[in-house]
């Protein structure tokens, strides 16, 4: 990501807000895990979540996630991305994960959090 894109993203950062999750409005475990996860850029950790979904990662969902097609035709190393998803998410089949989406100007982040351990297990970004 270039400096201009990072600057635009920082300009659009909202104040910290709690994440709203269906079925568990009072708990921010996944949000707190994301905010504390230092491998994510600061502007992502403190951005407003567009959506957070909790679901059990079953075998069917896992296969869907690791076989998705790219949003854009010019995606480089798509096979590598799918391999990283497979390696990171396979140990979590059968577990409840919270999937958080952050959309910033020109880029979309997906962050997977194990709900039980409140640990970020996978994240990726994609230009749109």
N, C-alpha and C. Protein backbone atom coordinates (compact mmCIF):
# COMPACT_ATOMS: atom_id res chain seq x y z
N UNK A 1 0.85 -1.16 0.00
CA UNK A 1 0.00 0.00 0.00
C UNK A 1 0.89 1.22 0.00
N UNK A 2 0.56 2.18 -0.84
CA UNK A 2 1.40 3.37 -0.93
C UNK A 2 1.05 4.40 0.14
N UNK A 3 1.90 5.40 0.27
CA UNK A 3 1.72 6.41 1.32
C UNK A 3 0.43 7.19 1.15
N UNK A 4 0.04 7.48 -0.09
CA UNK A 4 -1.21 8.22 -0.34
C UNK A 4 -2.41 7.42 0.15
N UNK A 5 -2.44 6.13 -0.15
CA UNK A 5 -3.56 5.28 0.28
C UNK A 5 -3.61 5.22 1.80
N UNK A 6 -2.44 5.07 2.44
CA UNK A 6 -2.40 5.04 3.91
C UNK A 6 -2.89 6.35 4.50
N UNK A 7 -2.53 7.47 3.87
CA UNK A 7 -2.98 8.77 4.33
C UNK A 7 -4.50 8.91 4.21
N UNK A 8 -5.05 8.48 3.09
CA UNK A 8 -6.51 8.53 2.91
C UNK A 8 -7.23 7.68 3.94
N UNK A 9 -6.68 6.52 4.22
CA UNK A 9 -7.29 5.63 5.21
C UNK A 9 -7.29 6.30 6.58
N UNK A 10 -6.15 6.86 6.98
CA UNK A 10 -6.08 7.51 8.30
C UNK A 10 -7.08 8.65 8.41
N UNK A 11 -7.32 9.38 7.33
CA UNK A 11 -8.28 10.48 7.34
C UNK A 11 -9.71 10.00 7.59
N UNK A 12 -10.00 8.77 7.23
CA UNK A 12 -11.36 8.24 7.34
C UNK A 12 -11.57 7.37 8.57
N UNK A 13 -10.61 7.35 9.49
CA UNK A 13 -10.76 6.53 10.67
C UNK A 13 -11.83 7.10 11.60
N UNK A 14 -12.78 6.29 12.00
CA UNK A 14 -13.75 6.74 12.99
C UNK A 14 -13.17 6.55 14.40
N UNK A 15 -13.84 7.13 15.36
CA UNK A 15 -13.44 6.90 16.75
C UNK A 15 -13.67 5.43 17.06
N UNK A 16 -12.97 4.93 18.08
CA UNK A 16 -13.17 3.52 18.46
C UNK A 16 -14.63 3.31 18.81
N UNK A 17 -15.19 2.25 18.27
CA UNK A 17 -16.58 1.92 18.56
C UNK A 17 -16.67 0.45 18.89
N UNK A 18 -17.62 0.06 19.74
CA UNK A 18 -17.77 -1.36 20.01
C UNK A 18 -18.30 -2.08 18.78
N UNK A 19 -17.92 -3.31 18.64
CA UNK A 19 -18.44 -4.12 17.54
C UNK A 19 -19.81 -4.64 17.94
N UNK A 20 -20.70 -4.72 16.98
CA UNK A 20 -22.04 -5.24 17.25
C UNK A 20 -22.14 -6.62 16.64
N UNK A 21 -22.40 -7.60 17.48
CA UNK A 21 -22.49 -8.98 17.03
C UNK A 21 -23.88 -9.49 17.33
N UNK A 22 -24.46 -10.16 16.39
CA UNK A 22 -25.79 -10.71 16.62
C UNK A 22 -25.72 -11.79 17.69
N UNK A 23 -26.68 -11.76 18.59
CA UNK A 23 -26.77 -12.79 19.61
C UNK A 23 -25.88 -12.58 20.82
N UNK A 24 -25.03 -11.58 20.85
CA UNK A 24 -24.13 -11.39 21.97
C UNK A 24 -23.73 -9.93 22.05
N UNK A 25 -24.69 -9.05 22.22
CA UNK A 25 -24.45 -7.61 22.13
C UNK A 25 -23.52 -7.06 23.20
N UNK A 26 -23.42 -7.73 24.36
CA UNK A 26 -22.64 -7.15 25.44
C UNK A 26 -21.17 -7.55 25.46
N UNK A 27 -20.72 -8.43 24.58
CA UNK A 27 -19.36 -8.94 24.63
C UNK A 27 -18.56 -8.44 23.44
N UNK A 28 -17.36 -7.96 23.70
CA UNK A 28 -16.50 -7.47 22.62
C UNK A 28 -15.21 -8.28 22.53
N UNK A 29 -15.21 -9.54 22.94
CA UNK A 29 -14.01 -10.37 22.91
C UNK A 29 -13.29 -10.34 21.59
N UNK A 30 -13.95 -10.66 20.46
CA UNK A 30 -13.26 -10.61 19.17
C UNK A 30 -12.76 -9.21 18.82
N UNK A 31 -13.53 -8.19 19.13
CA UNK A 31 -13.09 -6.82 18.83
C UNK A 31 -11.85 -6.47 19.63
N UNK A 32 -11.84 -6.85 20.90
CA UNK A 32 -10.66 -6.59 21.74
C UNK A 32 -9.45 -7.36 21.23
N UNK A 33 -9.67 -8.59 20.76
CA UNK A 33 -8.57 -9.40 20.22
C UNK A 33 -7.97 -8.73 18.98
N UNK A 34 -8.83 -8.20 18.13
CA UNK A 34 -8.37 -7.53 16.91
C UNK A 34 -7.60 -6.26 17.27
N UNK A 35 -8.14 -5.47 18.19
CA UNK A 35 -7.48 -4.22 18.56
C UNK A 35 -6.10 -4.47 19.18
N UNK A 36 -5.93 -5.62 19.84
CA UNK A 36 -4.66 -5.93 20.49
C UNK A 36 -3.68 -6.66 19.58
N UNK A 37 -4.12 -7.10 18.41
CA UNK A 37 -3.30 -7.92 17.51
C UNK A 37 -2.31 -7.03 16.75
N UNK A 38 -1.07 -7.04 17.18
CA UNK A 38 -0.08 -6.10 16.67
C UNK A 38 0.38 -6.37 15.24
N UNK A 39 0.07 -7.54 14.67
CA UNK A 39 0.45 -7.81 13.28
C UNK A 39 -0.40 -7.02 12.29
N UNK A 40 -1.57 -6.56 12.73
CA UNK A 40 -2.42 -5.73 11.88
C UNK A 40 -1.95 -4.28 11.95
N UNK A 41 -2.04 -3.56 10.84
CA UNK A 41 -1.70 -2.12 10.89
C UNK A 41 -2.62 -1.39 11.86
N UNK A 42 -2.10 -0.37 12.53
CA UNK A 42 -2.89 0.40 13.50
C UNK A 42 -4.20 0.91 12.91
N UNK A 43 -4.14 1.42 11.67
CA UNK A 43 -5.36 1.99 11.09
C UNK A 43 -6.43 0.93 10.86
N UNK A 44 -6.07 -0.34 10.78
CA UNK A 44 -7.06 -1.41 10.66
C UNK A 44 -7.56 -1.81 12.04
N UNK A 45 -6.64 -1.94 12.98
CA UNK A 45 -7.02 -2.34 14.34
C UNK A 45 -8.02 -1.38 14.97
N UNK A 46 -7.95 -0.12 14.60
CA UNK A 46 -8.81 0.87 15.23
C UNK A 46 -9.92 1.41 14.31
N UNK A 47 -10.08 0.78 13.17
CA UNK A 47 -11.15 1.17 12.26
C UNK A 47 -12.48 0.57 12.71
N UNK A 48 -13.54 1.15 12.23
CA UNK A 48 -14.88 0.63 12.51
C UNK A 48 -15.08 -0.65 11.70
N UNK A 49 -15.62 -1.67 12.35
CA UNK A 49 -15.92 -2.91 11.66
C UNK A 49 -17.18 -2.72 10.83
N UNK A 50 -17.10 -3.10 9.58
CA UNK A 50 -18.28 -3.01 8.72
C UNK A 50 -19.29 -4.07 9.13
N UNK A 51 -18.80 -5.23 9.50
CA UNK A 51 -19.67 -6.34 9.88
C UNK A 51 -18.84 -7.36 10.65
N UNK A 52 -19.47 -8.06 11.58
CA UNK A 52 -18.84 -9.18 12.28
C UNK A 52 -19.86 -10.31 12.32
N UNK A 53 -19.46 -11.46 11.79
CA UNK A 53 -20.34 -12.64 11.79
C UNK A 53 -19.71 -13.74 12.61
N UNK A 54 -20.49 -14.33 13.49
CA UNK A 54 -20.03 -15.50 14.21
C UNK A 54 -20.67 -16.72 13.56
N UNK A 55 -19.84 -17.75 13.34
CA UNK A 55 -20.38 -18.98 12.79
C UNK A 55 -19.44 -20.12 13.11
N UNK A 56 -19.98 -21.34 13.05
CA UNK A 56 -19.15 -22.52 13.20
C UNK A 56 -18.47 -22.77 11.85
N UNK A 57 -17.17 -22.94 11.87
CA UNK A 57 -16.44 -23.25 10.65
C UNK A 57 -16.58 -24.75 10.40
N UNK A 58 -17.60 -25.11 9.64
CA UNK A 58 -17.78 -26.53 9.30
C UNK A 58 -17.03 -26.84 8.01
N UNK A 59 -17.00 -28.10 7.63
CA UNK A 59 -16.23 -28.54 6.46
C UNK A 59 -16.71 -27.87 5.17
N UNK A 60 -18.02 -27.69 5.03
CA UNK A 60 -18.56 -27.07 3.82
C UNK A 60 -18.12 -25.60 3.71
N UNK A 61 -18.22 -24.86 4.81
CA UNK A 61 -17.79 -23.46 4.81
C UNK A 61 -16.28 -23.37 4.56
N UNK A 62 -15.52 -24.26 5.18
CA UNK A 62 -14.08 -24.29 4.98
C UNK A 62 -13.74 -24.46 3.50
N UNK A 63 -14.39 -25.40 2.84
CA UNK A 63 -14.14 -25.64 1.41
C UNK A 63 -14.50 -24.42 0.58
N UNK A 64 -15.57 -23.74 0.94
CA UNK A 64 -15.96 -22.52 0.24
C UNK A 64 -14.89 -21.44 0.39
N UNK A 65 -14.41 -21.26 1.59
CA UNK A 65 -13.42 -20.22 1.87
C UNK A 65 -12.11 -20.48 1.13
N UNK A 66 -11.70 -21.74 1.08
CA UNK A 66 -10.39 -22.02 0.47
C UNK A 66 -10.47 -22.23 -1.04
N UNK A 67 -11.66 -22.06 -1.61
CA UNK A 67 -11.78 -22.23 -3.07
C UNK A 67 -12.39 -21.01 -3.75
N UNK A 68 -12.47 -19.89 -3.03
CA UNK A 68 -13.05 -18.68 -3.61
C UNK A 68 -12.23 -18.16 -4.78
N UNK A 69 -12.92 -17.49 -5.67
CA UNK A 69 -12.25 -16.86 -6.81
C UNK A 69 -11.94 -15.41 -6.42
N UNK A 70 -10.90 -14.84 -7.04
CA UNK A 70 -10.54 -13.46 -6.71
C UNK A 70 -11.61 -12.47 -7.16
N UNK A 71 -11.69 -11.34 -6.46
CA UNK A 71 -12.63 -10.28 -6.82
C UNK A 71 -12.22 -9.65 -8.15
N UNK A 72 -10.92 -9.46 -8.32
CA UNK A 72 -10.40 -8.85 -9.53
C UNK A 72 -9.55 -9.87 -10.28
N UNK A 73 -9.52 -9.76 -11.58
CA UNK A 73 -8.75 -10.69 -12.41
C UNK A 73 -7.25 -10.52 -12.26
N UNK A 74 -6.79 -9.37 -11.80
CA UNK A 74 -5.35 -9.12 -11.73
C UNK A 74 -4.74 -9.48 -10.37
N UNK A 75 -5.44 -10.26 -9.56
CA UNK A 75 -4.89 -10.67 -8.27
C UNK A 75 -3.65 -11.52 -8.48
N UNK A 76 -2.58 -11.14 -7.81
CA UNK A 76 -1.34 -11.92 -7.90
C UNK A 76 -1.29 -12.91 -6.75
N UNK A 77 -0.66 -14.03 -6.96
CA UNK A 77 -0.47 -15.07 -5.95
C UNK A 77 -1.77 -15.51 -5.28
N UNK A 78 -2.82 -15.67 -6.06
CA UNK A 78 -4.09 -16.12 -5.49
C UNK A 78 -3.96 -17.53 -4.91
N UNK A 79 -3.22 -18.40 -5.59
CA UNK A 79 -3.02 -19.77 -5.08
C UNK A 79 -2.32 -19.73 -3.72
N UNK A 80 -1.36 -18.83 -3.58
CA UNK A 80 -0.67 -18.67 -2.29
C UNK A 80 -1.61 -18.21 -1.19
N UNK A 81 -2.50 -17.29 -1.54
CA UNK A 81 -3.49 -16.80 -0.56
C UNK A 81 -4.39 -17.94 -0.10
N UNK A 82 -4.86 -18.75 -1.04
CA UNK A 82 -5.73 -19.88 -0.68
C UNK A 82 -4.99 -20.90 0.17
N UNK A 83 -3.72 -21.10 -0.11
CA UNK A 83 -2.91 -22.03 0.69
C UNK A 83 -2.76 -21.50 2.12
N UNK A 84 -2.51 -20.20 2.27
CA UNK A 84 -2.38 -19.60 3.61
C UNK A 84 -3.70 -19.71 4.38
N UNK A 85 -4.83 -19.48 3.68
CA UNK A 85 -6.14 -19.65 4.32
C UNK A 85 -6.30 -21.08 4.82
N UNK A 86 -5.97 -22.04 3.95
CA UNK A 86 -6.10 -23.45 4.31
C UNK A 86 -5.29 -23.78 5.56
N UNK A 87 -4.02 -23.37 5.55
CA UNK A 87 -3.13 -23.67 6.67
C UNK A 87 -3.60 -23.02 7.97
N UNK A 88 -4.09 -21.81 7.89
CA UNK A 88 -4.51 -21.08 9.09
C UNK A 88 -5.86 -21.56 9.62
N UNK A 89 -6.78 -21.87 8.73
CA UNK A 89 -8.15 -22.17 9.17
C UNK A 89 -8.43 -23.65 9.39
N UNK A 90 -7.69 -24.54 8.74
CA UNK A 90 -7.95 -25.98 8.88
C UNK A 90 -7.99 -26.45 10.33
N UNK A 91 -7.06 -26.01 11.20
CA UNK A 91 -7.11 -26.46 12.60
C UNK A 91 -8.37 -25.98 13.35
N UNK A 92 -9.14 -25.09 12.75
CA UNK A 92 -10.29 -24.52 13.45
C UNK A 92 -11.64 -25.05 12.93
N UNK A 93 -11.60 -26.06 12.08
CA UNK A 93 -12.85 -26.68 11.62
C UNK A 93 -13.58 -27.22 12.84
N UNK A 94 -14.86 -26.91 12.93
CA UNK A 94 -15.68 -27.33 14.06
C UNK A 94 -15.72 -26.31 15.19
N UNK A 95 -14.95 -25.26 15.08
CA UNK A 95 -14.92 -24.23 16.12
C UNK A 95 -15.73 -23.01 15.69
N UNK A 96 -16.13 -22.23 16.69
CA UNK A 96 -16.84 -20.98 16.40
C UNK A 96 -15.81 -19.89 16.13
N UNK A 97 -15.96 -19.25 14.97
CA UNK A 97 -15.09 -18.15 14.60
C UNK A 97 -15.93 -16.89 14.40
N UNK A 98 -15.35 -15.75 14.73
CA UNK A 98 -15.95 -14.46 14.41
C UNK A 98 -15.15 -13.92 13.23
N UNK A 99 -15.84 -13.57 12.17
CA UNK A 99 -15.21 -13.03 10.98
C UNK A 99 -15.56 -11.54 10.91
N UNK A 100 -14.53 -10.70 11.05
CA UNK A 100 -14.73 -9.25 11.02
C UNK A 100 -14.30 -8.70 9.67
N UNK A 101 -15.07 -7.75 9.17
CA UNK A 101 -14.78 -7.11 7.90
C UNK A 101 -14.53 -5.63 8.13
N UNK A 102 -13.43 -5.14 7.61
CA UNK A 102 -13.09 -3.72 7.67
C UNK A 102 -12.90 -3.25 6.24
N UNK A 103 -13.64 -2.24 5.86
CA UNK A 103 -13.50 -1.69 4.51
C UNK A 103 -13.01 -0.26 4.62
N UNK A 104 -11.87 -0.02 4.00
CA UNK A 104 -11.26 1.30 3.98
C UNK A 104 -11.10 1.69 2.51
N UNK A 105 -10.82 2.96 2.22
CA UNK A 105 -10.71 3.38 0.82
C UNK A 105 -9.73 2.50 0.03
N UNK A 106 -10.27 1.75 -0.92
CA UNK A 106 -9.47 0.94 -1.82
C UNK A 106 -9.04 -0.42 -1.31
N UNK A 107 -9.33 -0.75 -0.06
CA UNK A 107 -8.87 -2.03 0.49
C UNK A 107 -9.91 -2.59 1.47
N UNK A 108 -10.00 -3.92 1.47
CA UNK A 108 -10.94 -4.64 2.32
C UNK A 108 -10.14 -5.64 3.15
N UNK A 109 -10.32 -5.63 4.47
CA UNK A 109 -9.64 -6.57 5.36
C UNK A 109 -10.65 -7.57 5.90
N UNK A 110 -10.23 -8.83 5.98
CA UNK A 110 -11.01 -9.90 6.60
C UNK A 110 -10.16 -10.44 7.74
N UNK A 111 -10.75 -10.53 8.93
CA UNK A 111 -10.02 -10.97 10.12
C UNK A 111 -10.84 -12.06 10.80
N UNK A 112 -10.24 -13.23 11.00
CA UNK A 112 -10.89 -14.37 11.63
C UNK A 112 -10.39 -14.50 13.06
N UNK A 113 -11.33 -14.58 14.02
CA UNK A 113 -10.99 -14.68 15.43
C UNK A 113 -11.64 -15.93 16.01
N UNK A 114 -10.87 -16.75 16.72
CA UNK A 114 -11.42 -17.89 17.45
C UNK A 114 -12.18 -17.33 18.65
N UNK A 115 -13.48 -17.57 18.70
CA UNK A 115 -14.32 -16.97 19.74
C UNK A 115 -13.96 -17.48 21.13
N UNK A 116 -13.64 -18.76 21.24
CA UNK A 116 -13.32 -19.34 22.54
C UNK A 116 -12.02 -18.79 23.13
N UNK A 117 -10.97 -18.75 22.32
CA UNK A 117 -9.66 -18.29 22.82
C UNK A 117 -9.47 -16.78 22.65
N UNK A 118 -10.34 -16.14 21.85
CA UNK A 118 -10.22 -14.71 21.52
C UNK A 118 -8.85 -14.40 20.91
N UNK A 119 -8.42 -15.27 20.00
CA UNK A 119 -7.17 -15.06 19.29
C UNK A 119 -7.44 -14.88 17.80
N UNK A 120 -6.74 -13.94 17.18
CA UNK A 120 -6.81 -13.79 15.74
C UNK A 120 -6.09 -14.99 15.14
N UNK A 121 -6.80 -15.74 14.28
CA UNK A 121 -6.21 -16.93 13.68
C UNK A 121 -5.82 -16.71 12.22
N UNK A 122 -6.39 -15.68 11.58
CA UNK A 122 -6.06 -15.40 10.18
C UNK A 122 -6.56 -14.01 9.83
N UNK A 123 -5.80 -13.34 8.95
CA UNK A 123 -6.28 -12.08 8.39
C UNK A 123 -5.66 -11.91 7.02
N UNK A 124 -6.36 -11.15 6.19
CA UNK A 124 -5.86 -10.84 4.86
C UNK A 124 -6.48 -9.53 4.40
N UNK A 125 -5.86 -8.94 3.40
CA UNK A 125 -6.43 -7.73 2.79
C UNK A 125 -6.51 -7.96 1.30
N UNK A 126 -7.40 -7.20 0.70
CA UNK A 126 -7.61 -7.31 -0.74
C UNK A 126 -8.02 -5.95 -1.27
N UNK A 127 -7.38 -5.52 -2.36
CA UNK A 127 -7.76 -4.27 -3.00
C UNK A 127 -9.08 -4.48 -3.71
N UNK A 128 -9.85 -3.43 -3.79
CA UNK A 128 -11.11 -3.50 -4.58
C UNK A 128 -11.22 -2.31 -5.47
